[in-house]
Amino acid sequence: MDHSFEKIISVENLLLAWEEFLKGKRKKTDVQQFSLKLMDNILALRNELLQKSYKHGNYKRFHICDPKQRIIHKALVRDRLLHHAIYRILYPFYDNLFFADSFSCRLEKGTHKAMTRLKMYFYKVSRNNTKTCWVLKCDIKKFFDSVDHQILLEILKQKISDKNTFWLLEEAIGSFSKQTGQLQLFDFRGENRERERE
């Protein structure tokens, strides 16, 4: 599977990532501003990536209720575009590594298929509703905020041999850390640098 840096940052992939990114966002002010000079912005982003001068921007922090209140950290449009470009190339490779009963955020999976699979397990374990079975419903509080970036990068490094791709993943993953409520840039060679919020 080709998950090379060159493929991730190709103009073709960045344009396809832009089309995917746009879904449901066309009317957003920041998206419209980026799209006014779309090719200039894409070429500038690509050039920064080629030169290795790219730095992930700050996050905008806000609250939503859906139905419970959550804190959201939103990256700049160009960074979210790059996230989609990375995803487009790496997803097919990593999707094959996930176990079959992982349904969240995967193509052709989702809630309905998860429920169908759960019902199948209910019938199997309960022997067609003739035996009691138990289900544990749980949530890991603030899971994504607490993912250890160093461990995540070590896992990714086992499958990513392209040094430039790994550099890009370090930059994207290291762009956010929840430590005392501050965004930080991490240099995975041992240094951390605090990043100011907007």
N, C-alpha and C. Protein backbone atom coordinates (compact mmCIF):
# COMPACT_ATOMS: atom_id res chain seq x y z
N MET A 1 0.85 -1.19 0.00
CA MET A 1 0.00 0.00 0.00
C MET A 1 0.89 1.24 0.00
N ASP A 2 0.63 2.14 -0.94
CA ASP A 2 1.45 3.35 -1.04
C ASP A 2 0.89 4.44 -0.14
N HIS A 3 1.55 4.67 0.98
CA HIS A 3 1.14 5.78 1.85
C HIS A 3 2.32 6.75 1.99
N SER A 4 2.89 7.08 0.82
CA SER A 4 4.07 7.93 0.80
C SER A 4 3.69 9.40 1.01
N PHE A 5 4.65 10.14 1.48
CA PHE A 5 4.53 11.58 1.69
C PHE A 5 4.13 12.28 0.39
N GLU A 6 4.78 11.88 -0.71
CA GLU A 6 4.51 12.50 -2.01
C GLU A 6 3.05 12.32 -2.41
N LYS A 7 2.50 11.15 -2.13
CA LYS A 7 1.09 10.91 -2.47
C LYS A 7 0.17 11.74 -1.58
N ILE A 8 0.50 11.85 -0.30
CA ILE A 8 -0.32 12.64 0.63
C ILE A 8 -0.37 14.09 0.21
N ILE A 9 0.78 14.66 -0.16
CA ILE A 9 0.83 16.10 -0.45
C ILE A 9 0.68 16.42 -1.93
N SER A 10 0.33 15.44 -2.75
CA SER A 10 0.12 15.72 -4.17
C SER A 10 -1.05 16.69 -4.33
N VAL A 11 -0.98 17.52 -5.35
CA VAL A 11 -2.06 18.48 -5.62
C VAL A 11 -3.37 17.73 -5.83
N GLU A 12 -3.31 16.61 -6.54
CA GLU A 12 -4.51 15.81 -6.78
C GLU A 12 -5.16 15.37 -5.46
N ASN A 13 -4.36 14.84 -4.54
CA ASN A 13 -4.90 14.38 -3.26
C ASN A 13 -5.43 15.55 -2.44
N LEU A 14 -4.72 16.67 -2.45
CA LEU A 14 -5.18 17.85 -1.70
C LEU A 14 -6.51 18.36 -2.25
N LEU A 15 -6.68 18.34 -3.57
CA LEU A 15 -7.95 18.77 -4.17
C LEU A 15 -9.08 17.80 -3.84
N LEU A 16 -8.81 16.51 -3.89
CA LEU A 16 -9.83 15.52 -3.52
C LEU A 16 -10.18 15.64 -2.04
N ALA A 17 -9.17 15.88 -1.22
CA ALA A 17 -9.40 16.08 0.22
C ALA A 17 -10.25 17.32 0.45
N TRP A 18 -10.01 18.37 -0.34
CA TRP A 18 -10.80 19.60 -0.23
C TRP A 18 -12.28 19.31 -0.53
N GLU A 19 -12.54 18.56 -1.58
CA GLU A 19 -13.94 18.22 -1.93
C GLU A 19 -14.62 17.46 -0.79
N GLU A 20 -13.91 16.54 -0.18
CA GLU A 20 -14.46 15.79 0.95
C GLU A 20 -14.65 16.69 2.16
N PHE A 21 -13.68 17.55 2.41
CA PHE A 21 -13.73 18.47 3.55
C PHE A 21 -14.92 19.42 3.44
N LEU A 22 -15.25 19.85 2.22
CA LEU A 22 -16.31 20.85 2.00
C LEU A 22 -17.71 20.39 2.42
N LYS A 23 -17.94 19.10 2.46
CA LYS A 23 -19.29 18.60 2.74
C LYS A 23 -19.83 19.17 4.05
N GLY A 24 -20.92 19.92 3.94
CA GLY A 24 -21.56 20.52 5.10
C GLY A 24 -20.86 21.76 5.65
N LYS A 25 -19.84 22.24 4.94
CA LYS A 25 -19.07 23.38 5.46
C LYS A 25 -19.01 24.55 4.48
N ARG A 26 -19.64 24.44 3.33
CA ARG A 26 -19.51 25.46 2.28
C ARG A 26 -19.88 26.86 2.73
N LYS A 27 -20.82 26.98 3.66
CA LYS A 27 -21.30 28.30 4.08
C LYS A 27 -20.52 28.89 5.24
N LYS A 28 -19.56 28.17 5.77
CA LYS A 28 -18.75 28.67 6.88
C LYS A 28 -17.81 29.77 6.38
N THR A 29 -17.72 30.84 7.13
CA THR A 29 -16.92 32.00 6.72
C THR A 29 -15.46 31.65 6.47
N ASP A 30 -14.85 30.91 7.38
CA ASP A 30 -13.43 30.56 7.22
C ASP A 30 -13.20 29.69 6.00
N VAL A 31 -14.15 28.82 5.69
CA VAL A 31 -14.05 27.95 4.52
C VAL A 31 -14.20 28.77 3.25
N GLN A 32 -15.15 29.71 3.23
CA GLN A 32 -15.33 30.57 2.06
C GLN A 32 -14.10 31.43 1.81
N GLN A 33 -13.50 31.95 2.87
CA GLN A 33 -12.28 32.76 2.71
C GLN A 33 -11.14 31.93 2.12
N PHE A 34 -10.98 30.71 2.60
CA PHE A 34 -9.93 29.83 2.09
C PHE A 34 -10.18 29.51 0.62
N SER A 35 -11.45 29.30 0.26
CA SER A 35 -11.78 28.89 -1.11
C SER A 35 -11.65 30.03 -2.12
N LEU A 36 -11.65 31.30 -1.66
CA LEU A 36 -11.48 32.42 -2.58
C LEU A 36 -10.15 32.33 -3.33
N LYS A 37 -9.13 31.84 -2.67
CA LYS A 37 -7.82 31.65 -3.30
C LYS A 37 -7.40 30.20 -3.11
N LEU A 38 -8.29 29.31 -3.50
CA LEU A 38 -8.10 27.88 -3.23
C LEU A 38 -6.77 27.36 -3.75
N MET A 39 -6.50 27.55 -5.04
CA MET A 39 -5.27 26.99 -5.61
C MET A 39 -4.03 27.64 -5.00
N ASP A 40 -4.08 28.94 -4.77
CA ASP A 40 -2.94 29.60 -4.11
C ASP A 40 -2.71 29.00 -2.72
N ASN A 41 -3.79 28.80 -1.98
CA ASN A 41 -3.68 28.24 -0.62
C ASN A 41 -3.17 26.80 -0.64
N ILE A 42 -3.68 26.00 -1.57
CA ILE A 42 -3.24 24.61 -1.67
C ILE A 42 -1.77 24.53 -2.07
N LEU A 43 -1.38 25.34 -3.05
CA LEU A 43 0.02 25.33 -3.48
C LEU A 43 0.96 25.85 -2.39
N ALA A 44 0.51 26.86 -1.64
CA ALA A 44 1.32 27.37 -0.53
C ALA A 44 1.48 26.31 0.55
N LEU A 45 0.39 25.61 0.87
CA LEU A 45 0.44 24.53 1.86
C LEU A 45 1.39 23.43 1.39
N ARG A 46 1.25 23.04 0.13
CA ARG A 46 2.11 21.99 -0.42
C ARG A 46 3.58 22.40 -0.38
N ASN A 47 3.84 23.67 -0.72
CA ASN A 47 5.22 24.16 -0.69
C ASN A 47 5.79 24.12 0.73
N GLU A 48 5.00 24.53 1.72
CA GLU A 48 5.45 24.46 3.12
C GLU A 48 5.76 23.02 3.52
N LEU A 49 4.94 22.09 3.05
CA LEU A 49 5.16 20.68 3.36
C LEU A 49 6.44 20.17 2.69
N LEU A 50 6.63 20.53 1.43
CA LEU A 50 7.85 20.12 0.72
C LEU A 50 9.11 20.69 1.38
N GLN A 51 9.02 21.94 1.83
CA GLN A 51 10.15 22.61 2.46
C GLN A 51 10.33 22.22 3.93
N LYS A 52 9.36 21.47 4.45
CA LYS A 52 9.32 21.10 5.87
C LYS A 52 9.25 22.33 6.78
N SER A 53 8.64 23.39 6.28
CA SER A 53 8.46 24.60 7.09
C SER A 53 7.04 24.66 7.65
N TYR A 54 6.22 23.67 7.31
CA TYR A 54 4.83 23.64 7.77
C TYR A 54 4.78 23.51 9.29
N LYS A 55 3.94 24.34 9.90
CA LYS A 55 3.63 24.24 11.32
C LYS A 55 2.12 24.28 11.47
N HIS A 56 1.59 23.33 12.20
CA HIS A 56 0.15 23.27 12.44
C HIS A 56 -0.27 24.53 13.19
N GLY A 57 -1.38 25.12 12.79
CA GLY A 57 -1.86 26.35 13.42
C GLY A 57 -2.52 26.11 14.77
N ASN A 58 -2.93 27.20 15.40
CA ASN A 58 -3.63 27.15 16.67
C ASN A 58 -5.04 26.59 16.50
N TYR A 59 -5.64 26.21 17.60
CA TYR A 59 -7.00 25.70 17.62
C TYR A 59 -7.93 26.76 18.20
N LYS A 60 -9.15 26.80 17.66
CA LYS A 60 -10.18 27.66 18.22
C LYS A 60 -11.00 26.80 19.18
N ARG A 61 -11.19 27.28 20.40
CA ARG A 61 -11.90 26.51 21.42
C ARG A 61 -13.31 27.07 21.59
N PHE A 62 -14.31 26.16 21.60
CA PHE A 62 -15.68 26.57 21.84
C PHE A 62 -16.47 25.41 22.44
N HIS A 63 -17.67 25.71 22.94
CA HIS A 63 -18.53 24.72 23.58
C HIS A 63 -19.71 24.39 22.67
N ILE A 64 -20.13 23.13 22.69
CA ILE A 64 -21.37 22.73 22.03
C ILE A 64 -22.19 21.89 23.01
N CYS A 65 -23.48 21.78 22.73
CA CYS A 65 -24.36 20.90 23.52
C CYS A 65 -25.02 19.93 22.55
N ASP A 66 -24.75 18.64 22.70
CA ASP A 66 -25.33 17.65 21.78
C ASP A 66 -25.61 16.30 22.40
N PRO A 67 -26.39 16.07 23.37
CA PRO A 67 -27.11 17.02 24.23
C PRO A 67 -26.25 17.50 25.39
N LYS A 68 -25.19 16.76 25.76
CA LYS A 68 -24.38 17.23 26.89
C LYS A 68 -23.34 18.23 26.38
N GLN A 69 -22.90 19.09 27.27
CA GLN A 69 -21.93 20.10 26.90
C GLN A 69 -20.56 19.47 26.68
N ARG A 70 -19.93 19.88 25.56
CA ARG A 70 -18.58 19.40 25.25
C ARG A 70 -17.72 20.57 24.80
N ILE A 71 -16.44 20.47 25.05
CA ILE A 71 -15.49 21.48 24.57
C ILE A 71 -14.91 20.96 23.26
N ILE A 72 -14.94 21.80 22.24
CA ILE A 72 -14.42 21.46 20.92
C ILE A 72 -13.20 22.33 20.65
N HIS A 73 -12.19 21.74 20.05
CA HIS A 73 -11.01 22.48 19.60
C HIS A 73 -10.94 22.32 18.09
N LYS A 74 -11.14 23.43 17.37
CA LYS A 74 -11.23 23.39 15.91
C LYS A 74 -9.95 23.94 15.29
N ALA A 75 -9.35 23.16 14.40
CA ALA A 75 -8.13 23.58 13.70
C ALA A 75 -8.49 24.55 12.57
N LEU A 76 -7.48 25.25 12.07
CA LEU A 76 -7.66 26.14 10.93
C LEU A 76 -8.06 25.33 9.70
N VAL A 77 -8.67 25.99 8.72
CA VAL A 77 -9.13 25.31 7.51
C VAL A 77 -7.97 24.57 6.83
N ARG A 78 -6.84 25.22 6.67
CA ARG A 78 -5.73 24.56 5.95
C ARG A 78 -5.25 23.31 6.70
N ASP A 79 -5.30 23.35 8.02
CA ASP A 79 -4.88 22.18 8.80
C ASP A 79 -5.91 21.06 8.69
N ARG A 80 -7.19 21.43 8.71
CA ARG A 80 -8.23 20.41 8.55
C ARG A 80 -8.19 19.81 7.15
N LEU A 81 -7.88 20.62 6.15
CA LEU A 81 -7.70 20.10 4.79
C LEU A 81 -6.57 19.07 4.78
N LEU A 82 -5.47 19.40 5.43
CA LEU A 82 -4.34 18.46 5.49
C LEU A 82 -4.72 17.19 6.25
N HIS A 83 -5.50 17.32 7.32
CA HIS A 83 -5.97 16.13 8.04
C HIS A 83 -6.72 15.20 7.08
N HIS A 84 -7.59 15.78 6.25
CA HIS A 84 -8.33 14.97 5.27
C HIS A 84 -7.39 14.33 4.25
N ALA A 85 -6.38 15.07 3.82
CA ALA A 85 -5.42 14.53 2.84
C ALA A 85 -4.66 13.34 3.43
N ILE A 86 -4.26 13.46 4.68
CA ILE A 86 -3.58 12.35 5.36
C ILE A 86 -4.53 11.16 5.48
N TYR A 87 -5.74 11.44 5.93
CA TYR A 87 -6.75 10.39 6.13
C TYR A 87 -7.02 9.64 4.83
N ARG A 88 -7.16 10.37 3.71
CA ARG A 88 -7.48 9.73 2.43
C ARG A 88 -6.45 8.66 2.05
N ILE A 89 -5.19 8.92 2.36
CA ILE A 89 -4.14 7.98 1.97
C ILE A 89 -3.92 6.89 3.01
N LEU A 90 -3.99 7.24 4.28
CA LEU A 90 -3.69 6.25 5.32
C LEU A 90 -4.88 5.38 5.72
N TYR A 91 -6.11 5.89 5.58
CA TYR A 91 -7.28 5.14 6.03
C TYR A 91 -7.38 3.74 5.40
N PRO A 92 -7.26 3.59 4.08
CA PRO A 92 -7.41 2.24 3.50
C PRO A 92 -6.42 1.24 4.10
N PHE A 93 -5.22 1.69 4.39
CA PHE A 93 -4.21 0.81 4.98
C PHE A 93 -4.59 0.42 6.41
N TYR A 94 -4.89 1.42 7.23
CA TYR A 94 -5.18 1.14 8.64
C TYR A 94 -6.53 0.48 8.85
N ASP A 95 -7.48 0.74 7.97
CA ASP A 95 -8.80 0.11 8.12
C ASP A 95 -8.69 -1.41 8.09
N ASN A 96 -7.79 -1.92 7.28
CA ASN A 96 -7.60 -3.37 7.20
C ASN A 96 -7.01 -3.97 8.47
N LEU A 97 -6.42 -3.14 9.31
CA LEU A 97 -5.82 -3.62 10.55
C LEU A 97 -6.80 -3.65 11.72
N PHE A 98 -7.91 -2.91 11.60
CA PHE A 98 -8.88 -2.84 12.70
C PHE A 98 -9.66 -4.14 12.78
N PHE A 99 -10.09 -4.49 14.00
CA PHE A 99 -10.86 -5.72 14.12
C PHE A 99 -12.28 -5.49 13.60
N ALA A 100 -12.91 -6.56 13.16
CA ALA A 100 -14.18 -6.46 12.43
C ALA A 100 -15.29 -5.79 13.21
N ASP A 101 -15.28 -5.90 14.52
CA ASP A 101 -16.36 -5.34 15.33
C ASP A 101 -16.08 -3.92 15.82
N SER A 102 -15.21 -3.22 15.15
CA SER A 102 -14.98 -1.80 15.42
C SER A 102 -15.81 -1.02 14.39
N PHE A 103 -16.81 -0.27 14.86
CA PHE A 103 -17.77 0.35 13.95
C PHE A 103 -17.71 1.86 13.87
N SER A 104 -17.04 2.51 14.79
CA SER A 104 -17.06 3.97 14.83
C SER A 104 -16.11 4.58 13.81
N CYS A 105 -16.61 5.61 13.10
CA CYS A 105 -15.78 6.40 12.17
C CYS A 105 -15.13 5.55 11.08
N ARG A 106 -15.84 4.56 10.59
CA ARG A 106 -15.32 3.71 9.53
C ARG A 106 -16.31 3.64 8.39
N LEU A 107 -15.79 3.62 7.16
CA LEU A 107 -16.65 3.53 5.99
C LEU A 107 -17.41 2.21 6.00
N GLU A 108 -18.67 2.29 5.59
CA GLU A 108 -19.56 1.13 5.51
C GLU A 108 -19.74 0.42 6.85
N LYS A 109 -19.61 1.17 7.94
CA LYS A 109 -19.86 0.62 9.27
C LYS A 109 -20.95 1.47 9.91
N GLY A 110 -20.74 2.00 11.08
CA GLY A 110 -21.69 2.91 11.70
C GLY A 110 -22.64 2.26 12.69
N THR A 111 -23.52 3.09 13.23
CA THR A 111 -24.41 2.69 14.32
C THR A 111 -25.35 1.55 13.94
N HIS A 112 -25.97 1.63 12.77
CA HIS A 112 -26.95 0.60 12.39
C HIS A 112 -26.30 -0.78 12.23
N LYS A 113 -25.14 -0.81 11.61
CA LYS A 113 -24.44 -2.10 11.47
C LYS A 113 -23.96 -2.61 12.82
N ALA A 114 -23.57 -1.68 13.70
CA ALA A 114 -23.15 -2.08 15.05
C ALA A 114 -24.32 -2.71 15.80
N MET A 115 -25.51 -2.13 15.66
CA MET A 115 -26.70 -2.68 16.33
C MET A 115 -27.05 -4.07 15.78
N THR A 116 -26.94 -4.23 14.48
CA THR A 116 -27.21 -5.54 13.87
C THR A 116 -26.25 -6.59 14.41
N ARG A 117 -24.99 -6.21 14.50
CA ARG A 117 -23.97 -7.14 15.03
C ARG A 117 -24.23 -7.44 16.50
N LEU A 118 -24.62 -6.43 17.28
CA LEU A 118 -24.91 -6.61 18.70
C LEU A 118 -26.09 -7.57 18.89
N LYS A 119 -27.12 -7.41 18.06
CA LYS A 119 -28.28 -8.32 18.13
C LYS A 119 -27.86 -9.76 17.85
N MET A 120 -26.95 -9.92 16.88
CA MET A 120 -26.46 -11.26 16.56
C MET A 120 -25.77 -11.88 17.78
N TYR A 121 -24.96 -11.06 18.47
CA TYR A 121 -24.30 -11.55 19.68
C TYR A 121 -25.31 -11.85 20.79
N PHE A 122 -26.34 -11.01 20.93
CA PHE A 122 -27.39 -11.27 21.93
C PHE A 122 -28.00 -12.65 21.72
N TYR A 123 -28.39 -12.92 20.48
CA TYR A 123 -29.03 -14.20 20.18
C TYR A 123 -28.08 -15.37 20.41
N LYS A 124 -26.82 -15.17 20.03
CA LYS A 124 -25.84 -16.24 20.20
C LYS A 124 -25.58 -16.53 21.68
N VAL A 125 -25.29 -15.48 22.46
CA VAL A 125 -24.96 -15.66 23.88
C VAL A 125 -26.18 -16.10 24.69
N SER A 126 -27.35 -15.55 24.35
CA SER A 126 -28.56 -15.90 25.11
C SER A 126 -29.21 -17.18 24.60
N ARG A 127 -28.59 -17.78 23.62
CA ARG A 127 -29.13 -18.99 22.99
C ARG A 127 -30.58 -18.76 22.59
N ASN A 128 -30.74 -17.78 21.70
CA ASN A 128 -32.05 -17.38 21.19
C ASN A 128 -33.02 -16.98 22.30
N ASN A 129 -32.53 -16.13 23.17
CA ASN A 129 -33.33 -15.57 24.28
C ASN A 129 -33.78 -16.61 25.30
N THR A 130 -33.03 -17.67 25.46
CA THR A 130 -33.38 -18.68 26.47
C THR A 130 -32.46 -18.60 27.69
N LYS A 131 -31.44 -17.77 27.63
CA LYS A 131 -30.48 -17.64 28.72
C LYS A 131 -30.19 -16.15 28.95
N THR A 132 -29.99 -15.77 30.21
CA THR A 132 -29.68 -14.38 30.53
C THR A 132 -28.27 -14.03 30.06
N CYS A 133 -28.14 -12.85 29.48
CA CYS A 133 -26.81 -12.36 29.13
C CYS A 133 -26.70 -10.91 29.58
N TRP A 134 -25.49 -10.47 29.77
CA TRP A 134 -25.24 -9.13 30.29
C TRP A 134 -24.46 -8.31 29.27
N VAL A 135 -24.73 -7.01 29.29
CA VAL A 135 -24.03 -6.08 28.40
C VAL A 135 -23.48 -4.96 29.25
N LEU A 136 -22.24 -4.61 29.02
CA LEU A 136 -21.63 -3.47 29.70
C LEU A 136 -21.60 -2.30 28.74
N LYS A 137 -22.26 -1.22 29.13
CA LYS A 137 -22.21 0.01 28.35
C LYS A 137 -21.33 0.98 29.13
N CYS A 138 -20.28 1.47 28.49
CA CYS A 138 -19.39 2.38 29.21
C CYS A 138 -18.81 3.40 28.24
N ASP A 139 -18.25 4.42 28.81
CA ASP A 139 -17.62 5.48 28.03
C ASP A 139 -16.31 5.84 28.72
N ILE A 140 -15.28 5.99 27.95
CA ILE A 140 -14.00 6.42 28.52
C ILE A 140 -14.00 7.94 28.50
N LYS A 141 -14.04 8.53 29.68
CA LYS A 141 -14.15 9.98 29.80
C LYS A 141 -12.95 10.67 29.15
N LYS A 142 -13.27 11.61 28.26
CA LYS A 142 -12.25 12.42 27.59
C LYS A 142 -11.16 11.55 26.95
N PHE A 143 -11.60 10.50 26.27
CA PHE A 143 -10.65 9.54 25.69
C PHE A 143 -9.63 10.22 24.77
N PHE A 144 -10.13 10.97 23.80
CA PHE A 144 -9.21 11.54 22.81
C PHE A 144 -8.27 12.57 23.42
N ASP A 145 -8.73 13.26 24.45
CA ASP A 145 -7.86 14.23 25.14
C ASP A 145 -6.74 13.54 25.89
N SER A 146 -6.95 12.27 26.25
CA SER A 146 -5.98 11.59 27.10
C SER A 146 -5.08 10.59 26.37
N VAL A 147 -5.22 10.49 25.04
CA VAL A 147 -4.37 9.57 24.29
C VAL A 147 -2.91 10.00 24.42
N ASP A 148 -2.06 9.08 24.80
CA ASP A 148 -0.64 9.35 24.94
C ASP A 148 -0.02 9.44 23.55
N HIS A 149 0.41 10.64 23.18
CA HIS A 149 0.93 10.86 21.83
C HIS A 149 2.19 10.05 21.55
N GLN A 150 3.02 9.88 22.54
CA GLN A 150 4.25 9.12 22.35
C GLN A 150 3.94 7.66 21.99
N ILE A 151 3.00 7.07 22.72
CA ILE A 151 2.61 5.68 22.44
C ILE A 151 1.96 5.58 21.06
N LEU A 152 1.07 6.53 20.75
CA LEU A 152 0.41 6.53 19.44
C LEU A 152 1.45 6.61 18.32
N LEU A 153 2.42 7.48 18.46
CA LEU A 153 3.45 7.61 17.43
C LEU A 153 4.31 6.35 17.32
N GLU A 154 4.58 5.70 18.43
CA GLU A 154 5.34 4.44 18.38
C GLU A 154 4.55 3.37 17.62
N ILE A 155 3.24 3.33 17.82
CA ILE A 155 2.39 2.38 17.09
C ILE A 155 2.42 2.69 15.60
N LEU A 156 2.28 3.96 15.26
CA LEU A 156 2.30 4.37 13.85
C LEU A 156 3.65 4.08 13.20
N LYS A 157 4.71 4.27 13.95
CA LYS A 157 6.06 4.07 13.43
C LYS A 157 6.30 2.62 13.00
N GLN A 158 5.59 1.69 13.61
CA GLN A 158 5.74 0.28 13.26
C GLN A 158 5.28 0.00 11.82
N LYS A 159 4.37 0.82 11.31
CA LYS A 159 3.82 0.60 9.96
C LYS A 159 4.23 1.66 8.95
N ILE A 160 4.69 2.81 9.42
CA ILE A 160 5.05 3.91 8.52
C ILE A 160 6.57 3.98 8.40
N SER A 161 7.08 3.61 7.23
CA SER A 161 8.53 3.63 7.04
C SER A 161 9.01 4.93 6.41
N ASP A 162 8.13 5.65 5.73
CA ASP A 162 8.50 6.91 5.09
C ASP A 162 8.74 7.97 6.15
N LYS A 163 9.97 8.46 6.25
CA LYS A 163 10.33 9.43 7.30
C LYS A 163 9.57 10.74 7.16
N ASN A 164 9.30 11.16 5.93
CA ASN A 164 8.56 12.40 5.72
C ASN A 164 7.10 12.27 6.16
N THR A 165 6.51 11.12 5.88
CA THR A 165 5.14 10.87 6.33
C THR A 165 5.10 10.87 7.85
N PHE A 166 6.09 10.24 8.47
CA PHE A 166 6.12 10.20 9.93
C PHE A 166 6.31 11.60 10.51
N TRP A 167 7.14 12.42 9.88
CA TRP A 167 7.30 13.82 10.31
C TRP A 167 5.95 14.54 10.29
N LEU A 168 5.20 14.32 9.22
CA LEU A 168 3.90 14.96 9.08
C LEU A 168 2.93 14.50 10.17
N LEU A 169 2.94 13.21 10.47
CA LEU A 169 2.09 12.69 11.54
C LEU A 169 2.50 13.26 12.89
N GLU A 170 3.79 13.38 13.14
CA GLU A 170 4.27 14.00 14.39
C GLU A 170 3.74 15.42 14.52
N GLU A 171 3.80 16.17 13.43
CA GLU A 171 3.35 17.56 13.45
C GLU A 171 1.85 17.65 13.71
N ALA A 172 1.07 16.80 13.05
CA ALA A 172 -0.39 16.84 13.22
C ALA A 172 -0.79 16.36 14.61
N ILE A 173 -0.27 15.23 15.03
CA ILE A 173 -0.64 14.65 16.33
C ILE A 173 -0.13 15.52 17.47
N GLY A 174 1.06 16.05 17.32
CA GLY A 174 1.66 16.86 18.36
C GLY A 174 1.12 18.27 18.47
N SER A 175 0.20 18.63 17.58
CA SER A 175 -0.31 20.00 17.57
C SER A 175 -1.24 20.30 18.73
N PHE A 176 -1.75 19.27 19.37
CA PHE A 176 -2.68 19.50 20.48
C PHE A 176 -2.37 18.56 21.63
N SER A 177 -2.34 19.11 22.81
CA SER A 177 -2.18 18.31 24.02
C SER A 177 -3.00 18.95 25.11
N LYS A 178 -3.68 18.15 25.89
CA LYS A 178 -4.49 18.69 26.98
C LYS A 178 -3.71 18.52 28.27
N GLN A 179 -2.91 19.49 28.61
CA GLN A 179 -2.19 19.51 29.88
C GLN A 179 -2.45 20.87 30.49
N THR A 180 -3.08 20.88 31.61
CA THR A 180 -3.48 22.11 32.30
C THR A 180 -4.23 23.06 31.37
N GLY A 181 -5.01 22.47 30.44
CA GLY A 181 -5.84 23.27 29.56
C GLY A 181 -5.10 24.06 28.51
N GLN A 182 -3.84 23.74 28.24
CA GLN A 182 -3.08 24.51 27.28
C GLN A 182 -2.78 23.69 26.04
N LEU A 183 -2.78 24.38 24.92
CA LEU A 183 -2.34 23.74 23.69
C LEU A 183 -0.83 23.78 23.68
N GLN A 184 -0.23 22.69 23.30
CA GLN A 184 1.23 22.66 23.26
C GLN A 184 1.69 22.00 21.98
N LEU A 185 2.84 22.44 21.52
CA LEU A 185 3.53 21.75 20.45
C LEU A 185 4.55 20.84 21.11
N PHE A 186 4.61 19.61 20.67
CA PHE A 186 5.58 18.68 21.23
C PHE A 186 6.63 18.37 20.18
N ASP A 187 7.86 18.43 20.59
CA ASP A 187 8.95 17.93 19.78
C ASP A 187 9.23 16.55 20.34
N PHE A 188 8.98 15.51 19.57
CA PHE A 188 9.04 14.15 20.09
C PHE A 188 10.47 13.66 20.30
N ARG A 189 11.41 14.57 20.16
CA ARG A 189 12.79 14.24 20.53
C ARG A 189 13.04 14.67 21.97
N GLY A 190 11.97 15.13 22.66
CA GLY A 190 12.10 15.39 24.09
C GLY A 190 11.73 16.78 24.56
N GLU A 191 11.58 17.74 23.66
CA GLU A 191 11.26 19.09 24.09
C GLU A 191 9.79 19.38 23.87
N ASN A 192 9.17 20.23 24.71
CA ASN A 192 7.85 20.74 24.39
C ASN A 192 7.90 22.25 24.37
N ARG A 193 7.10 22.79 23.46
CA ARG A 193 7.00 24.23 23.38
C ARG A 193 5.54 24.60 23.51
N GLU A 194 5.22 25.52 24.41
CA GLU A 194 3.83 25.93 24.56
C GLU A 194 3.43 26.76 23.35
N ARG A 195 2.20 26.61 22.95
CA ARG A 195 1.66 27.40 21.85
C ARG A 195 0.54 28.26 22.38
N GLU A 196 0.55 29.52 22.04
CA GLU A 196 -0.49 30.45 22.49
C GLU A 196 -1.79 30.13 21.78
N ARG A 197 -2.89 30.25 22.51
CA ARG A 197 -4.20 30.12 21.91
C ARG A 197 -4.60 31.44 21.30
N GLU A 198 -5.47 31.38 20.27
CA GLU A 198 -5.97 32.61 19.66
C GLU A 198 -6.79 33.39 20.66
